Amino acid sequence: MTDLAFRPPATRRVRLPARRGGVFVLAAAAVALLVLLPVLALIEIAAQGSGDLWPHLIENVLPVALQQTLLLLLGVGVLTTLMAVPCAWLVATCRFPGRAALDWALLLPLAVPSYIVAYSYLDVLHPLGPVQSALRFLLGISSPRGLRLPDLRSIGGCIFVLSVVLYPYVYLSARASFLVQSAAALEVARTLGAGRLRTFLRIAIPLARPAIVAGVTLALLETLGDIGASEFLGMRTLTVSIYTTWVNRSNLPGAAQIALVMLLLVLVIILGERAARRSRRFVATGSTRPQAPTQLTGLAAWGACLFCALPVLLGFAVPLAHLTLAAAQRIEFSGISLDILKEARNSALLATAGMLVTVSLGLVVAVAQRVDRSRITGAFVRLAGLGYAIPGTVLAIGLLTPMAAFDNLLDGFARQLAGVSTGLLISGSGGALILAYGIRFLTIPASGVEAGYAKLSPHLDMAARSLGCTRGAMVRQVHLPLLRTALATAALIVFVDGMKELPATLLLRPLGFETLATHIYAEAARSTYEDGALAALVIVLVGLIPVILLARISRSAAEGAARPSSSSKSGT
């Protein structure tokens, strides 16, 4: 009797996932396990111990690396906020000359990798470079020793370089929040005697706080994973320490132990972001009508224009102008090297393969979330999205051992069954690097397809099912055609991110395999970074396409989110 009473619930629990799309749920679980694989491998590698190197790391490496990393995170967090939030407020709520162009131009620094900006500014701000030479000419100083600007190879210089590249993350999220803020709360503050500045500080910023915190978190995660600009500007951050411990000291367990410290810092940043968003909630009650832009005139209008143009000038225009001039001089002197064409082809092949893998994995995760909204599926989706928070150097170390083990296992089977050796089939061919791209950028297509699904009514699924369509056929025949725009956008962004990815590419690429990013890094290491100007210019020009597309999508999405609010008010 007891057995009969307990069998039906057990039977239902077993059959429910299959009835609700168990194949997709299992696929999402496999993707989540794939994302966790490098972390688990990292723990196993670190547990092997680094011999007598660990005391040296604790005494001499970790204190300096932690100090510089924390200072860098603090400086970038503050400076990106000070640059991005006022620009987002001005563009979203005011009208002034150049506003329409600056609305999307403020995103252009996303097209320029941080290491390229560092190389460019080191030339531009060199004692014999154009800036200091022009200042000495204006002040009548003949000797370079008579006027010296602060050295860019410092913690302040690194904070400046990373901030002018990463502020668009904060700008993008803050602008979207300001665009949909209710006009009622701001108008009430104005009627109670608060000026524009006080309204901005006391009302608008608290309402946009979750979006600002999310944008700053993304900027901090990018800062934590940076290796090109940080190493080139003389920083000894955790990421740089991982690279030097692995490559220069040939101690993989020691690098894994530093990587675990870095992962703990990543976890602290993510938990801090969630705590900051939950600790204080601000809700604007009443009308949800978005505010009308305020027309600025006179000095205020031109001041707003110059303030918003300055980040674009520093983060995009100056590096682009320098790269264009340096590339033109290099082409005039020695022509276009065939090596650049080969490296561009390698970059494109890797980025394309990574794009296909990443978009496929992201589609699997998004489809699983669509067909099964259970808690277990939600947990798998959240785990799969953590890949973006894992820096490239950490991914590289975490994937090295599992991929090598898989190659050895495959080679053993091939020897037993066919008497042939497959060698390093995945690691030697760049398969580990493509997998790293897939894990690192998985969040982009997953969130993009999820946003596309949000526009598709669940009634479409019901109609397809009522017509006898299986879940697989429904995804192929109904969902995919309607998600083409979201998939194409995600694919383009992943492709460009793969073109400019440096840390994972530097550590996992096959021997003798060079890309545009590694070519630039090698030239910088030889202090001949001007020879990499053409490669850098190619990366920047390719990166412009998704940035412009992202600007258009973000503006239309924000305006679309504001329209239902106003229409619902009129309907009420």
Protein backbone atom coordinates (compact mmCIF):
# COMPACT_ATOMS: atom_id res chain seq x y z
CA MET A 1 0.00 0.00 0.00
CA THR A 2 2.84 2.34 0.85
CA ASP A 3 4.59 1.54 -2.41
CA LEU A 4 1.46 2.28 -4.44
CA ALA A 5 1.04 5.61 -2.66
CA PHE A 6 4.52 6.77 -3.55
CA ARG A 7 4.87 5.51 -7.12
CA PRO A 8 2.67 8.05 -8.95
CA PRO A 9 4.61 11.13 -7.73
CA ALA A 10 7.90 9.45 -8.61
CA THR A 11 6.58 8.59 -12.08
CA ARG A 12 5.44 12.15 -12.67
CA ARG A 13 8.78 13.57 -11.62
CA VAL A 14 10.59 11.35 -14.08
CA ARG A 15 8.29 12.06 -17.03
CA LEU A 16 7.77 15.77 -16.48
CA PRO A 17 11.08 16.98 -17.96
CA ALA A 18 10.62 14.81 -21.06
CA ARG A 19 7.10 16.12 -21.55
CA ARG A 20 8.24 19.72 -21.15
CA GLY A 21 11.30 19.60 -23.39
CA GLY A 22 13.79 17.40 -21.60
CA VAL A 23 16.25 17.34 -24.51
CA PHE A 24 16.68 21.11 -24.36
CA VAL A 25 17.01 21.03 -20.58
CA LEU A 26 19.71 18.36 -20.79
CA ALA A 27 21.49 20.41 -23.43
CA ALA A 28 21.37 23.47 -21.17
CA ALA A 29 22.79 21.36 -18.34
CA ALA A 30 25.63 20.25 -20.62
CA VAL A 31 26.40 23.88 -21.51
CA ALA A 32 26.40 24.85 -17.81
CA LEU A 33 28.79 21.97 -17.08
CA LEU A 34 31.02 23.15 -19.93
CA VAL A 35 31.22 26.61 -18.35
CA LEU A 36 32.06 25.11 -14.95
CA LEU A 37 34.69 22.79 -16.43
CA PRO A 38 37.59 25.30 -16.43
CA VAL A 39 36.81 26.35 -12.86
CA LEU A 40 36.81 22.73 -11.64
CA ALA A 41 40.01 22.02 -13.56
CA LEU A 42 41.58 25.16 -12.11
CA ILE A 43 40.91 23.91 -8.57
CA GLU A 44 42.42 20.53 -9.43
CA ILE A 45 45.55 22.13 -10.91
CA ALA A 46 45.99 24.48 -7.95
CA ALA A 47 45.65 21.55 -5.53
CA GLN A 48 48.76 19.97 -7.04
CA GLY A 49 50.83 22.62 -5.28
CA SER A 50 53.53 24.86 -6.70
CA GLY A 51 56.41 23.57 -4.61
CA ASP A 52 58.60 26.24 -3.09
CA LEU A 53 57.15 28.92 -5.38
CA TRP A 54 54.00 29.50 -3.30
CA PRO A 55 55.83 31.17 -0.35
CA HIS A 56 57.51 33.47 -2.87
CA LEU A 57 54.14 34.27 -4.46
CA ILE A 58 52.57 35.06 -1.08
CA GLU A 59 55.45 37.23 0.04
CA ASN A 60 56.44 39.06 -3.13
CA VAL A 61 53.84 38.66 -5.90
CA LEU A 62 50.33 38.58 -4.41
CA PRO A 63 50.59 41.69 -2.17
CA VAL A 64 51.72 43.91 -5.06
CA ALA A 65 49.32 42.30 -7.52
CA LEU A 66 46.36 42.66 -5.16
CA GLN A 67 47.23 46.25 -4.30
CA GLN A 68 47.60 47.34 -7.92
CA THR A 69 44.51 45.42 -9.00
CA LEU A 70 42.35 46.97 -6.27
CA LEU A 71 43.66 50.48 -7.01
CA LEU A 72 42.98 49.93 -10.70
CA LEU A 73 39.44 48.71 -10.02
CA LEU A 74 38.74 51.65 -7.71
CA GLY A 75 40.12 54.22 -10.14
CA VAL A 76 38.34 52.79 -13.19
CA GLY A 77 35.06 52.46 -11.29
CA VAL A 78 35.13 56.10 -10.17
CA LEU A 79 36.37 57.60 -13.44
CA THR A 80 34.02 55.67 -15.71
CA THR A 81 31.08 56.72 -13.54
CA LEU A 82 32.12 60.38 -13.58
CA MET A 83 32.54 60.29 -17.35
CA ALA A 84 29.53 58.20 -18.34
CA VAL A 85 26.65 59.15 -16.04
CA PRO A 86 26.58 62.93 -16.77
CA CYS A 87 26.92 62.21 -20.51
CA ALA A 88 24.06 59.73 -20.36
CA TRP A 89 21.87 62.22 -18.48
CA LEU A 90 22.61 65.05 -20.93
CA VAL A 91 22.02 62.92 -24.03
CA ALA A 92 18.84 61.34 -22.64
CA THR A 93 17.16 64.43 -21.17
CA CYS A 94 18.51 67.52 -22.99
CA ARG A 95 18.74 68.97 -26.46
CA PHE A 96 21.95 70.69 -27.53
CA PRO A 97 24.11 70.97 -30.68
CA GLY A 98 25.47 67.61 -31.78
CA ARG A 99 23.26 65.58 -29.43
CA ALA A 100 22.00 63.20 -32.15
CA ALA A 101 25.55 62.34 -33.25
CA LEU A 102 26.96 62.09 -29.74
CA ASP A 103 24.11 59.76 -28.75
CA TRP A 104 25.76 56.92 -30.68
CA ALA A 105 29.31 58.31 -30.91
CA LEU A 106 29.76 57.89 -27.17
CA LEU A 107 29.75 54.12 -27.78
CA LEU A 108 32.60 54.22 -30.33
CA PRO A 109 35.42 53.50 -27.82
CA LEU A 110 33.99 49.98 -27.54
CA ALA A 111 35.45 49.35 -30.99
CA VAL A 112 39.02 50.01 -29.79
CA PRO A 113 40.70 47.37 -27.58
CA SER A 114 42.37 48.74 -24.48
CA TYR A 115 45.84 47.55 -25.50
CA ILE A 116 45.60 49.51 -28.77
CA VAL A 117 44.62 52.67 -26.89
CA ALA A 118 47.59 52.18 -24.55
CA TYR A 119 50.01 51.82 -27.45
CA SER A 120 48.57 54.87 -29.19
CA TYR A 121 48.73 57.15 -26.16
CA LEU A 122 52.28 56.12 -25.36
CA ASP A 123 53.25 57.52 -28.75
CA VAL A 124 50.98 60.55 -28.55
CA LEU A 125 52.13 61.53 -25.03
CA HIS A 126 55.79 60.64 -25.53
CA PRO A 127 58.24 63.45 -24.60
CA LEU A 128 59.01 63.76 -28.31
CA GLY A 129 55.41 63.13 -29.36
CA PRO A 130 52.94 65.65 -30.78
CA VAL A 131 51.30 66.73 -27.50
CA GLN A 132 54.41 67.59 -25.51
CA SER A 133 56.15 69.04 -28.57
CA ALA A 134 53.18 71.34 -29.21
CA LEU A 135 53.07 72.45 -25.56
CA ARG A 136 56.80 73.25 -25.56
CA PHE A 137 56.39 75.22 -28.79
CA LEU A 138 53.53 77.27 -27.34
CA LEU A 139 55.43 77.95 -24.12
CA GLY A 140 58.72 78.71 -25.87
CA ILE A 141 60.58 75.77 -24.32
CA SER A 142 63.27 74.26 -26.53
CA SER A 143 64.52 71.31 -24.49
CA PRO A 144 62.34 68.22 -23.83
CA ARG A 145 63.60 68.33 -20.24
CA GLY A 146 62.02 71.73 -19.78
CA LEU A 147 58.49 70.27 -19.81
CA ARG A 148 57.59 66.70 -18.95
CA LEU A 149 54.05 65.47 -18.48
CA PRO A 150 53.40 62.65 -15.98
CA ASP A 151 54.51 59.27 -17.25
CA LEU A 152 51.72 57.18 -18.79
CA ARG A 153 53.43 54.03 -17.49
CA SER A 154 51.84 54.34 -14.06
CA ILE A 155 48.71 53.38 -12.16
CA GLY A 156 47.17 56.74 -13.06
CA GLY A 157 47.96 56.28 -16.74
CA CYS A 158 46.49 52.78 -16.74
CA ILE A 159 43.32 54.03 -15.02
CA PHE A 160 42.99 56.74 -17.66
CA VAL A 161 43.46 54.36 -20.59
CA LEU A 162 41.04 51.71 -19.31
CA SER A 163 38.44 54.33 -18.32
CA VAL A 164 38.29 56.02 -21.74
CA VAL A 165 37.76 52.58 -23.30
CA LEU A 166 35.32 51.06 -20.80
CA TYR A 167 33.05 53.99 -19.87
CA PRO A 168 30.54 53.02 -22.67
CA TYR A 169 29.41 50.06 -20.51
CA VAL A 170 28.25 52.51 -17.85
CA TYR A 171 26.95 55.02 -20.40
CA LEU A 172 24.86 52.42 -22.22
CA SER A 173 23.05 51.16 -19.13
CA ALA A 174 22.65 54.62 -17.54
CA ARG A 175 21.27 56.15 -20.74
CA ALA A 176 18.71 53.36 -21.10
CA SER A 177 17.57 53.99 -17.53
CA PHE A 178 17.34 57.78 -17.93
CA LEU A 179 15.34 57.41 -21.15
CA VAL A 180 12.52 55.52 -19.43
CA GLN A 181 12.45 57.37 -16.10
CA SER A 182 9.07 58.77 -15.16
CA ALA A 183 8.68 62.50 -15.61
CA ALA A 184 6.37 62.72 -12.57
CA ALA A 185 9.08 62.29 -9.93
CA LEU A 186 11.37 64.81 -11.63
CA GLU A 187 8.56 67.34 -12.09
CA VAL A 188 7.53 67.05 -8.43
CA ALA A 189 11.12 67.74 -7.38
CA ARG A 190 11.24 70.81 -9.60
CA THR A 191 7.94 72.16 -8.23
CA LEU A 192 9.33 71.76 -4.69
CA GLY A 193 12.18 74.11 -5.58
CA ALA A 194 14.96 71.66 -6.51
CA GLY A 195 17.22 72.85 -9.30
CA ARG A 196 18.36 70.70 -12.24
CA LEU A 197 21.57 69.66 -10.51
CA ARG A 198 19.86 68.71 -7.26
CA THR A 199 17.12 66.83 -9.14
CA PHE A 200 19.80 64.95 -11.04
CA LEU A 201 21.74 64.02 -7.88
CA ARG A 202 18.82 63.31 -5.52
CA ILE A 203 16.19 61.82 -7.85
CA ALA A 204 17.55 60.72 -11.24
CA ILE A 205 20.72 58.97 -10.06
CA PRO A 206 19.01 56.96 -7.26
CA LEU A 207 16.36 55.81 -9.75
CA ALA A 208 19.09 54.78 -12.21
CA ARG A 209 21.31 53.23 -9.54
CA PRO A 210 20.71 49.55 -10.47
CA ALA A 211 21.56 50.25 -14.11
CA ILE A 212 24.65 52.28 -13.19
CA VAL A 213 25.89 49.56 -10.83
CA ALA A 214 25.39 46.92 -13.54
CA GLY A 215 27.39 48.98 -16.04
CA VAL A 216 30.21 49.65 -13.58
CA THR A 217 30.35 45.93 -12.77
CA LEU A 218 30.89 45.09 -16.44
CA ALA A 219 33.63 47.71 -16.67
CA LEU A 220 35.33 46.29 -13.55
CA LEU A 221 35.20 42.73 -14.89
CA GLU A 222 36.82 43.91 -18.13
CA THR A 223 39.46 45.77 -16.10
CA LEU A 224 40.18 42.67 -14.04
CA GLY A 225 40.71 40.57 -17.17
CA ASP A 226 42.88 43.08 -19.04
CA ILE A 227 46.42 42.00 -19.79
CA GLY A 228 47.61 44.00 -22.83
CA ALA A 229 47.25 47.55 -21.55
CA SER A 230 48.11 46.66 -17.94
CA GLU A 231 51.33 44.84 -18.77
CA PHE A 232 52.39 47.40 -21.36
CA LEU A 233 51.91 50.26 -18.89
CA GLY A 234 54.00 48.54 -16.24
CA MET A 235 51.26 47.17 -13.98
CA ARG A 236 51.71 43.93 -12.04
CA THR A 237 48.04 43.04 -11.66
CA LEU A 238 46.67 39.59 -10.91
CA THR A 239 46.12 38.91 -14.62
CA VAL A 240 49.68 39.89 -15.50
CA SER A 241 50.99 37.81 -12.58
CA ILE A 242 49.11 34.76 -13.85
CA TYR A 243 50.65 35.16 -17.29
CA THR A 244 54.21 35.70 -16.05
CA THR A 245 54.01 32.83 -13.54
CA TRP A 246 52.82 30.44 -16.23
CA VAL A 247 54.92 31.58 -19.20
CA ASN A 248 58.07 33.02 -17.65
CA ARG A 249 58.36 30.74 -14.60
CA SER A 250 56.79 27.67 -16.31
CA ASN A 251 54.77 26.96 -13.17
CA LEU A 252 51.19 26.11 -14.06
CA PRO A 253 50.02 25.23 -10.49
CA GLY A 254 51.34 28.57 -9.22
CA ALA A 255 49.47 30.40 -11.98
CA ALA A 256 46.33 28.41 -11.10
CA GLN A 257 46.63 29.42 -7.45
CA ILE A 258 46.81 33.11 -8.41
CA ALA A 259 43.88 32.53 -10.76
CA LEU A 260 41.80 31.21 -7.85
CA VAL A 261 42.53 34.43 -5.94
CA MET A 262 41.39 36.33 -9.00
CA LEU A 263 38.19 34.28 -9.19
CA LEU A 264 37.47 35.13 -5.56
CA LEU A 265 37.79 38.80 -6.49
CA VAL A 266 35.40 38.26 -9.40
CA LEU A 267 32.93 36.64 -7.00
CA VAL A 268 33.25 39.58 -4.61
CA ILE A 269 32.49 42.02 -7.45
CA ILE A 270 29.43 40.06 -8.59
CA LEU A 271 28.06 39.64 -5.05
CA GLY A 272 28.78 43.30 -4.34
CA GLU A 273 26.83 44.30 -7.44
CA ARG A 274 23.83 42.26 -6.38
CA ALA A 275 23.98 43.56 -2.81
CA ALA A 276 24.20 47.15 -4.04
CA ARG A 277 21.13 46.66 -6.21
CA ARG A 278 19.12 45.03 -3.42
CA SER A 279 20.14 47.11 -0.42
CA ARG A 280 18.19 50.20 -1.44
CA ARG A 281 15.33 50.25 -3.89
CA PHE A 282 13.95 53.44 -5.39
CA VAL A 283 10.58 53.35 -7.11
CA ALA A 284 8.90 56.28 -8.83
CA THR A 285 5.15 56.05 -8.27
CA GLY A 286 2.42 57.79 -10.22
CA SER A 287 2.61 58.54 -13.91
CA THR A 288 5.10 56.57 -15.99
CA ARG A 289 5.21 59.18 -18.74
CA PRO A 290 8.83 59.65 -19.89
CA GLN A 291 10.22 63.14 -19.56
CA ALA A 292 10.46 65.47 -22.55
CA PRO A 293 14.01 66.65 -23.45
CA THR A 294 14.96 70.10 -22.16
CA GLN A 295 16.29 72.57 -24.71
CA LEU A 296 19.67 73.99 -23.65
CA THR A 297 20.82 77.34 -25.00
CA GLY A 298 23.90 79.50 -24.96
CA LEU A 299 26.92 78.45 -22.92
CA ALA A 300 25.00 75.59 -21.31
CA ALA A 301 24.30 74.03 -24.72
CA TRP A 302 27.88 74.29 -25.96
CA GLY A 303 29.23 73.18 -22.57
CA ALA A 304 27.09 70.03 -22.73
CA CYS A 305 28.31 69.40 -26.28
CA LEU A 306 31.98 69.74 -25.32
CA PHE A 307 31.55 67.63 -22.17
CA CYS A 308 29.96 64.76 -24.13
CA ALA A 309 32.47 65.08 -26.99
CA LEU A 310 35.52 64.82 -24.71
CA PRO A 311 35.17 61.05 -23.96
CA VAL A 312 34.70 60.33 -27.68
CA LEU A 313 37.79 62.38 -28.47
CA LEU A 314 39.93 60.66 -25.83
CA GLY A 315 38.66 57.11 -26.27
CA PHE A 316 38.23 56.95 -30.04
CA ALA A 317 39.24 59.94 -32.14
CA VAL A 318 42.80 60.33 -30.83
CA PRO A 319 43.72 56.60 -31.09
CA LEU A 320 42.08 56.32 -34.52
CA ALA A 321 43.90 59.40 -35.86
CA HIS A 322 47.22 58.10 -34.52
CA LEU A 323 46.69 54.62 -35.97
CA THR A 324 45.68 56.01 -39.36
CA LEU A 325 48.75 58.24 -39.56
CA ALA A 326 51.12 55.51 -38.34
CA ALA A 327 49.64 52.91 -40.70
CA ALA A 328 49.89 55.30 -43.67
CA GLN A 329 53.54 56.02 -42.87
CA ARG A 330 54.31 52.31 -42.49
CA ILE A 331 52.59 51.44 -45.79
CA GLU A 332 54.44 54.25 -47.58
CA PHE A 333 57.76 53.06 -46.15
CA SER A 334 57.49 49.28 -46.57
CA GLY A 335 54.10 48.51 -48.15
CA ILE A 336 51.60 45.99 -46.82
CA SER A 337 53.24 42.90 -45.42
CA LEU A 338 51.91 39.52 -46.46
CA ASP A 339 52.14 38.52 -42.80
CA ILE A 340 49.38 41.02 -41.99
CA LEU A 341 47.10 39.38 -44.56
CA LYS A 342 47.88 35.94 -43.12
CA GLU A 343 47.23 37.14 -39.57
CA ALA A 344 43.97 38.80 -40.66
CA ARG A 345 42.90 35.50 -42.20
CA ASN A 346 43.81 33.61 -39.01
CA SER A 347 41.89 36.12 -36.90
CA ALA A 348 38.86 35.86 -39.14
CA LEU A 349 38.93 32.05 -39.12
CA LEU A 350 39.20 31.85 -35.35
CA ALA A 351 36.54 34.52 -34.83
CA THR A 352 34.18 32.79 -37.27
CA ALA A 353 34.61 29.37 -35.64
CA GLY A 354 34.18 30.91 -32.19
CA MET A 355 31.10 32.78 -33.39
CA LEU A 356 29.45 29.59 -34.68
CA VAL A 357 30.17 27.69 -31.46
CA THR A 358 29.10 30.57 -29.22
CA VAL A 359 25.86 31.33 -31.04
CA SER A 360 24.95 27.63 -31.07
CA LEU A 361 25.52 27.30 -27.33
CA GLY A 362 23.66 30.54 -26.63
CA LEU A 363 20.72 29.39 -28.73
CA VAL A 364 20.56 26.11 -26.80
CA VAL A 365 20.44 27.96 -23.48
CA ALA A 366 17.80 30.46 -24.64
CA VAL A 367 15.59 27.75 -26.17
CA ALA A 368 15.77 25.68 -22.98
CA GLN A 369 14.65 28.69 -20.98
CA ARG A 370 11.77 29.24 -23.41
CA VAL A 371 10.40 25.70 -23.44
CA ASP A 372 10.95 24.93 -19.75
CA ARG A 373 10.66 27.63 -17.08
CA SER A 374 11.40 25.38 -14.13
CA ARG A 375 13.85 26.36 -11.41
CA ILE A 376 16.39 23.75 -12.45
CA THR A 377 16.48 25.13 -15.98
CA GLY A 378 16.84 28.66 -14.62
CA ALA A 379 19.80 27.51 -12.54
CA PHE A 380 21.45 26.00 -15.62
CA VAL A 381 20.91 29.21 -17.55
CA ARG A 382 22.43 31.33 -14.79
CA LEU A 383 25.46 29.04 -14.55
CA ALA A 384 25.94 29.19 -18.31
CA GLY A 385 25.97 32.97 -18.16
CA LEU A 386 28.87 33.11 -15.70
CA GLY A 387 31.43 32.59 -18.45
CA TYR A 388 31.61 36.31 -19.18
CA ALA A 389 32.80 36.93 -15.62
CA ILE A 390 35.75 34.52 -16.02
CA PRO A 391 38.83 36.40 -17.31
CA GLY A 392 40.56 35.05 -20.40
CA THR A 393 43.73 34.09 -18.55
CA VAL A 394 41.74 32.06 -16.02
CA LEU A 395 39.84 30.33 -18.82
CA ALA A 396 43.08 29.49 -20.57
CA ILE A 397 44.56 27.77 -17.52
CA GLY A 398 41.30 26.00 -16.71
CA LEU A 399 40.91 24.59 -20.23
CA LEU A 400 44.49 23.52 -20.74
CA THR A 401 44.38 20.33 -18.64
CA PRO A 402 40.89 19.05 -19.70
CA MET A 403 41.66 19.55 -23.38
CA ALA A 404 45.03 17.85 -23.06
CA ALA A 405 43.36 14.93 -21.24
CA PHE A 406 40.75 14.68 -23.98
CA ASP A 407 43.46 14.69 -26.67
CA ASN A 408 45.37 11.93 -24.86
CA LEU A 409 42.19 9.87 -24.45
CA LEU A 410 41.31 10.25 -28.12
CA ASP A 411 44.85 9.42 -29.16
CA GLY A 412 44.77 6.26 -27.02
CA PHE A 413 41.53 5.08 -28.65
CA ALA A 414 42.89 5.81 -32.12
CA ARG A 415 46.05 3.83 -31.40
CA GLN A 416 44.09 0.84 -30.11
CA LEU A 417 41.45 0.79 -32.85
CA ALA A 418 43.32 1.95 -35.96
CA GLY A 419 46.98 1.96 -34.97
CA VAL A 420 47.35 5.68 -35.77
CA SER A 421 48.09 8.68 -33.56
CA THR A 422 45.83 11.72 -33.60
CA GLY A 423 48.26 13.87 -31.62
CA LEU A 424 47.01 17.13 -30.10
CA LEU A 425 43.85 17.19 -32.17
CA ILE A 426 42.06 19.90 -30.20
CA SER A 427 44.78 21.75 -28.33
CA GLY A 428 47.16 21.76 -31.27
CA SER A 429 44.52 22.96 -33.74
CA GLY A 430 43.13 25.80 -31.66
CA GLY A 431 40.06 23.88 -30.54
CA ALA A 432 40.66 24.87 -26.92
CA LEU A 433 40.81 28.52 -27.99
CA ILE A 434 37.52 28.25 -29.88
CA LEU A 435 35.96 26.61 -26.83
CA ALA A 436 37.31 29.46 -24.68
CA TYR A 437 35.61 31.93 -27.02
CA GLY A 438 32.38 29.97 -26.66
CA ILE A 439 32.48 30.07 -22.85
CA ARG A 440 33.74 33.66 -22.64
CA PHE A 441 31.14 35.20 -24.97
CA LEU A 442 28.21 32.87 -24.32
CA THR A 443 26.25 35.58 -22.51
CA ILE A 444 26.04 37.73 -25.66
CA PRO A 445 23.94 35.37 -27.83
CA ALA A 446 22.06 33.92 -24.85
CA SER A 447 20.85 37.34 -23.69
CA GLY A 448 20.29 38.50 -27.27
CA VAL A 449 18.10 35.53 -28.17
CA GLU A 450 16.31 35.83 -24.83
CA ALA A 451 15.50 39.45 -25.68
CA GLY A 452 14.25 38.29 -29.08
CA TYR A 453 12.07 35.66 -27.42
CA ALA A 454 10.57 38.34 -25.18
CA LYS A 455 8.96 39.84 -28.30
CA LEU A 456 7.39 36.52 -29.35
CA SER A 457 4.03 35.79 -27.81
CA PRO A 458 3.64 32.42 -26.04
CA HIS A 459 0.50 32.00 -28.13
CA LEU A 460 2.77 31.21 -31.10
CA ASP A 461 4.07 28.18 -29.25
CA MET A 462 0.54 27.09 -28.32
CA ALA A 463 -0.63 27.44 -31.90
CA ALA A 464 2.31 25.45 -33.25
CA ARG A 465 1.77 22.69 -30.69
CA SER A 466 -1.95 22.55 -31.41
CA LEU A 467 -1.13 21.98 -35.09
CA GLY A 468 0.92 18.91 -34.18
CA CYS A 469 4.37 20.55 -34.27
CA THR A 470 7.02 18.92 -32.07
CA ARG A 471 9.20 21.16 -29.93
CA GLY A 472 12.16 20.67 -32.22
CA ALA A 473 10.12 21.47 -35.31
CA MET A 474 8.61 24.49 -33.56
CA VAL A 475 12.08 25.86 -32.85
CA ARG A 476 13.25 25.25 -36.44
CA GLN A 477 10.16 26.40 -38.31
CA VAL A 478 8.71 29.09 -36.03
CA HIS A 479 11.32 30.45 -33.65
CA LEU A 480 14.47 30.59 -35.78
CA PRO A 481 12.95 32.60 -38.67
CA LEU A 482 11.60 35.14 -36.17
CA LEU A 483 14.90 35.31 -34.29
CA ARG A 484 17.11 35.96 -37.32
CA THR A 485 17.77 39.58 -36.40
CA ALA A 486 18.70 38.75 -32.80
CA LEU A 487 20.95 35.89 -33.91
CA ALA A 488 22.65 37.99 -36.60
CA THR A 489 23.31 40.82 -34.14
CA ALA A 490 24.75 38.46 -31.54
CA ALA A 491 26.88 36.71 -34.15
CA LEU A 492 28.34 40.01 -35.34
CA ILE A 493 29.22 41.15 -31.82
CA VAL A 494 30.81 37.78 -30.94
CA PHE A 495 32.81 37.85 -34.19
CA VAL A 496 34.33 41.24 -33.41
CA ASP A 497 35.01 40.31 -29.76
CA GLY A 498 36.83 37.24 -31.04
CA MET A 499 38.89 39.38 -33.44
CA LYS A 500 40.23 41.56 -30.63
CA GLU A 501 40.41 39.00 -27.77
CA LEU A 502 43.98 38.92 -26.46
CA PRO A 503 44.49 37.01 -23.15
CA ALA A 504 42.94 33.67 -24.15
CA THR A 505 44.37 33.89 -27.68
CA LEU A 506 47.83 34.64 -26.36
CA LEU A 507 47.87 31.58 -24.09
CA LEU A 508 45.92 28.95 -26.07
CA ARG A 509 46.87 29.57 -29.72
CA PRO A 510 48.77 26.81 -31.52
CA LEU A 511 52.53 27.18 -31.89
CA GLY A 512 53.49 29.53 -34.70
CA PHE A 513 49.89 30.72 -35.12
CA GLU A 514 49.63 34.52 -35.09
CA THR A 515 46.54 36.71 -35.12
CA LEU A 516 46.20 40.47 -35.42
CA ALA A 517 45.90 40.80 -31.64
CA THR A 518 48.97 38.67 -30.87
CA HIS A 519 50.91 40.48 -33.62
CA ILE A 520 50.21 43.83 -31.93
CA TYR A 521 51.21 42.38 -28.56
CA ALA A 522 54.48 41.01 -29.98
CA GLU A 523 55.37 44.36 -31.55
CA ALA A 524 54.69 46.10 -28.25
CA ALA A 525 56.87 43.59 -26.40
CA ARG A 526 59.71 44.48 -28.81
CA SER A 527 59.00 48.22 -28.32
CA THR A 528 58.20 48.49 -32.03
CA TYR A 529 54.46 48.92 -31.60
CA GLU A 530 54.33 51.38 -34.50
CA ASP A 531 54.89 48.35 -36.76
CA GLY A 532 51.58 46.95 -35.51
CA ALA A 533 49.61 50.09 -36.42
CA LEU A 534 48.07 48.56 -39.53
CA ALA A 535 46.91 45.45 -37.66
CA ALA A 536 45.47 47.65 -34.93
CA LEU A 537 43.66 49.81 -37.50
CA VAL A 538 42.07 46.71 -39.07
CA ILE A 539 40.74 45.59 -35.67
CA VAL A 540 39.32 49.05 -34.96
CA LEU A 541 37.60 49.35 -38.35
CA VAL A 542 36.06 45.89 -38.03
CA GLY A 543 34.89 46.75 -34.53
CA LEU A 544 33.02 49.84 -35.73
CA ILE A 545 30.27 47.79 -37.38
CA PRO A 546 28.72 46.16 -34.29
CA VAL A 547 29.19 49.31 -32.20
CA ILE A 548 27.10 51.38 -34.60
CA LEU A 549 24.55 48.57 -34.74
CA LEU A 550 24.53 48.35 -30.94
CA ALA A 551 23.90 52.10 -30.69
CA ARG A 552 20.85 51.85 -32.93
CA ILE A 553 19.48 48.80 -31.13
CA SER A 554 19.94 50.27 -27.66
CA ARG A 555 18.19 53.51 -28.59
CA SER A 556 15.23 51.74 -30.24
CA ALA A 557 14.95 49.31 -27.29
CA ALA A 558 14.89 52.15 -24.77
CA GLU A 559 12.34 54.12 -26.76
CA GLY A 560 10.23 50.98 -27.18
CA ALA A 561 10.29 50.43 -23.43
CA ALA A 562 9.05 53.98 -22.89
CA ARG A 563 6.17 53.80 -25.39
CA PRO A 564 4.00 51.22 -23.57
CA SER A 565 4.17 53.34 -20.44
CA SER A 566 2.76 56.42 -22.12
CA SER A 567 0.19 54.47 -24.07
CA SER A 568 -1.03 52.65 -20.98
CA LYS A 569 -1.55 55.97 -19.26
CA SER A 570 -3.64 57.29 -22.13
CA GLY A 571 -5.60 54.05 -22.23
CA THR A 572 -6.28 54.31 -18.52
